[in-house]
Structures are given as structure tokens and as C-alpha cells.
Amino acid sequence: MYIASFTLIVLTLAGALSLVNVNDYFTKSNAYENTAQTIDPHDDIKILNEQMVLTGLDKYVINGQAQNTGQYKLRYVSITVNFYDKYGHLLYSSFDAKSYINPGETWNFEVPYRKSGTPYSYRVKVGPTLLK
């Protein structure tokens, strides 16, 4: 009975120690990888303004400005626009993207509506954003 209990305790401790070593290895190795980090776009990108403009017969575009309000240079930012009908159903979705945006930098975006007819409403949002 004592030998079985002692063996169980030793095996449990050995398993816990091996998990700690494995977790330490992954934490250290991931810290040194040279991969892009994804950030929360709502913290570092601000939509300054946007408006829907009629550019031709049934041709609409959303023009606007966005700004990197964070402290890091961003490798990639996308601005997505969803267009809806009067019932709130999604008609179309499109985006514009920019690369290498410095802290404080402001840029213009343009997202076209490529379907016939007039969208009833739209929503602009920040899409995927990557740090350099």
C-alpha cells in the first residue's frame, strides 16, 4: 500500500515538472519568434470621418479618413464597409487597405459599392491590423 502511494506521488510530481518544463520552453521559444503580432484595432486606429458619395449613375463609394493613434508603426490596416438594405440585410461588403502606417499618420480610404441600386445604410469598421 505504501509503495503504491509513494509511486503515485512520484509519478504525479514528475508529470507536473515535465509540464512546467514544456510550458517554459514554449513561452521562451514563442517570445523570440519573428512573427507579426495582431493587435486590437479599436485601440490603435481611429476613423476620423466617412461619407457615402454618389460618383456616377448608381455608383457609390465610402470616402473617409483614418488615423494610427497608437505608438507603433503598423504593417497592415484594413477598413471594411458593410452595405445594408432597408431591412438590415447585408447587401455587399468591401474594404480598403494600407501598409506601413506610422504613429500619428492619417490616411484617406475609399471603399466602393459594386452592386446596382442604392444601399440603404452602411457601417465602417477597422478590419485586421498587424504590427511590423
Protein backbone atom coordinates (compact mmCIF):
# COMPACT_ATOMS: atom_id res chain seq x y z
CA MET A 1 0.00 0.00 0.00
CA TYR A 2 2.79 2.45 0.95
CA ILE A 3 4.79 1.56 -2.16
CA ALA A 4 1.77 2.20 -4.42
CA SER A 5 1.07 5.58 -2.77
CA PHE A 6 4.73 6.57 -2.96
CA THR A 7 4.89 5.57 -6.64
CA LEU A 8 1.73 7.58 -7.40
CA ILE A 9 3.16 10.68 -5.70
CA VAL A 10 6.49 10.38 -7.58
CA LEU A 11 4.75 9.94 -10.93
CA THR A 12 2.45 12.92 -10.24
CA LEU A 13 5.40 15.16 -9.33
CA ALA A 14 7.38 14.01 -12.37
CA GLY A 15 4.41 14.77 -14.62
CA ALA A 16 3.96 18.24 -13.11
CA LEU A 17 7.65 19.03 -13.50
CA SER A 18 7.67 17.92 -17.11
CA LEU A 19 4.64 20.17 -17.81
CA VAL A 20 6.43 23.13 -16.26
CA ASN A 21 9.48 22.48 -18.41
CA VAL A 22 7.38 22.14 -21.57
CA ASN A 23 5.46 25.36 -20.82
CA ASP A 24 8.71 27.24 -20.08
CA TYR A 25 10.15 26.02 -23.38
CA PHE A 26 7.15 27.19 -25.40
CA THR A 27 6.98 30.54 -23.62
CA LYS A 28 10.66 31.22 -24.27
CA SER A 29 10.65 30.00 -27.86
CA ASN A 30 7.50 31.98 -28.76
CA ALA A 31 8.99 35.15 -27.30
CA TYR A 32 11.85 35.01 -29.79
CA GLU A 33 9.88 34.17 -32.94
CA ASN A 34 9.95 36.82 -35.64
CA THR A 35 6.25 36.77 -36.48
CA ALA A 36 3.73 39.56 -36.96
CA GLN A 37 1.54 40.36 -33.98
CA THR A 38 -2.14 41.10 -34.30
CA ILE A 39 -3.40 43.99 -32.17
CA ASP A 40 -6.83 45.17 -31.14
CA PRO A 41 -7.66 47.55 -34.00
CA HIS A 42 -10.08 49.58 -31.93
CA ASP A 43 -7.28 50.71 -29.64
CA ASP A 44 -4.86 51.98 -32.29
CA ILE A 45 -6.94 53.01 -35.32
CA LYS A 46 -9.49 55.80 -35.26
CA ILE A 47 -11.96 56.50 -38.06
CA LEU A 48 -11.92 60.31 -38.25
CA ASN A 49 -14.73 60.71 -40.77
CA GLU A 50 -16.62 58.90 -43.51
CA GLN A 51 -19.36 59.67 -46.00
CA MET A 52 -21.18 57.94 -48.84
CA VAL A 53 -20.74 59.75 -52.15
CA LEU A 54 -22.59 59.22 -55.43
CA THR A 55 -19.86 59.11 -58.10
CA GLY A 56 -22.00 58.19 -61.11
CA LEU A 57 -25.27 56.58 -62.09
CA ASP A 58 -25.87 54.09 -59.22
CA LYS A 59 -22.18 54.20 -58.32
CA TYR A 60 -21.49 54.80 -54.64
CA VAL A 61 -18.28 54.97 -52.65
CA ILE A 62 -17.47 55.49 -49.00
CA ASN A 63 -14.70 58.08 -48.60
CA GLY A 64 -13.08 58.68 -45.25
CA GLN A 65 -10.00 59.23 -43.16
CA ALA A 66 -8.40 57.05 -40.52
CA GLN A 67 -5.51 57.61 -38.15
CA ASN A 68 -2.98 55.45 -36.35
CA THR A 69 -3.45 56.73 -32.79
CA GLY A 70 -1.16 54.08 -31.30
CA GLN A 71 2.52 54.16 -30.50
CA TYR A 72 3.66 51.54 -33.03
CA LYS A 73 4.23 51.57 -36.77
CA LEU A 74 1.60 49.29 -38.29
CA ARG A 75 2.46 46.91 -41.12
CA TYR A 76 -1.11 46.49 -42.39
CA VAL A 77 -4.51 48.03 -41.70
CA SER A 78 -7.81 47.37 -43.43
CA ILE A 79 -11.01 49.39 -43.31
CA THR A 80 -14.13 47.31 -44.04
CA VAL A 81 -17.51 48.68 -45.09
CA ASN A 82 -20.70 46.63 -44.93
CA PHE A 83 -23.63 47.88 -47.01
CA TYR A 84 -27.22 47.05 -45.97
CA ASP A 85 -30.75 47.22 -47.40
CA LYS A 86 -33.62 48.91 -45.55
CA TYR A 87 -34.33 45.69 -43.64
CA GLY A 88 -30.79 45.45 -42.29
CA HIS A 89 -29.75 42.60 -44.59
CA LEU A 90 -26.17 42.64 -45.80
CA LEU A 91 -26.01 43.54 -49.49
CA TYR A 92 -22.29 43.83 -50.03
CA SER A 93 -19.00 44.07 -48.16
CA SER A 94 -15.71 45.54 -49.34
CA PHE A 95 -12.53 47.00 -47.92
CA ASP A 96 -9.54 49.26 -48.48
CA ALA A 97 -6.10 48.59 -47.02
CA LYS A 98 -2.91 50.46 -46.33
CA SER A 99 0.57 49.27 -45.44
CA TYR A 100 3.22 50.73 -43.16
CA ILE A 101 1.43 53.43 -41.19
CA ASN A 102 3.48 55.45 -38.70
CA PRO A 103 2.15 56.55 -35.30
CA GLY A 104 0.01 59.66 -35.74
CA GLU A 105 -0.25 59.19 -39.51
CA THR A 106 -3.60 59.95 -41.14
CA TRP A 107 -4.65 58.45 -44.48
CA ASN A 108 -7.63 58.53 -46.82
CA PHE A 109 -9.59 55.40 -47.63
CA GLU A 110 -12.08 54.70 -50.40
CA VAL A 111 -14.40 51.69 -50.42
CA PRO A 112 -16.64 51.26 -53.47
CA TYR A 113 -20.12 49.73 -53.57
CA ARG A 114 -20.00 47.41 -56.59
CA LYS A 115 -23.63 46.37 -56.89
CA SER A 116 -26.52 48.00 -58.70
CA GLY A 117 -29.07 50.02 -56.78
CA THR A 118 -28.67 52.20 -53.74
CA PRO A 119 -27.64 50.83 -50.35
CA TYR A 120 -29.93 51.97 -47.54
CA SER A 121 -27.16 52.18 -44.93
CA TYR A 122 -23.57 51.22 -44.29
CA ARG A 123 -21.20 50.51 -41.42
CA VAL A 124 -17.47 51.30 -41.41
CA LYS A 125 -15.19 49.26 -39.19
CA VAL A 126 -11.50 48.60 -38.74
CA GLY A 127 -10.51 45.19 -40.02
CA PRO A 128 -7.37 43.14 -39.38
CA THR A 129 -4.36 45.13 -38.24
CA LEU A 130 -0.77 43.87 -37.98
CA LEU A 131 2.24 45.32 -36.23
CA LYS A 132 5.51 45.42 -38.12
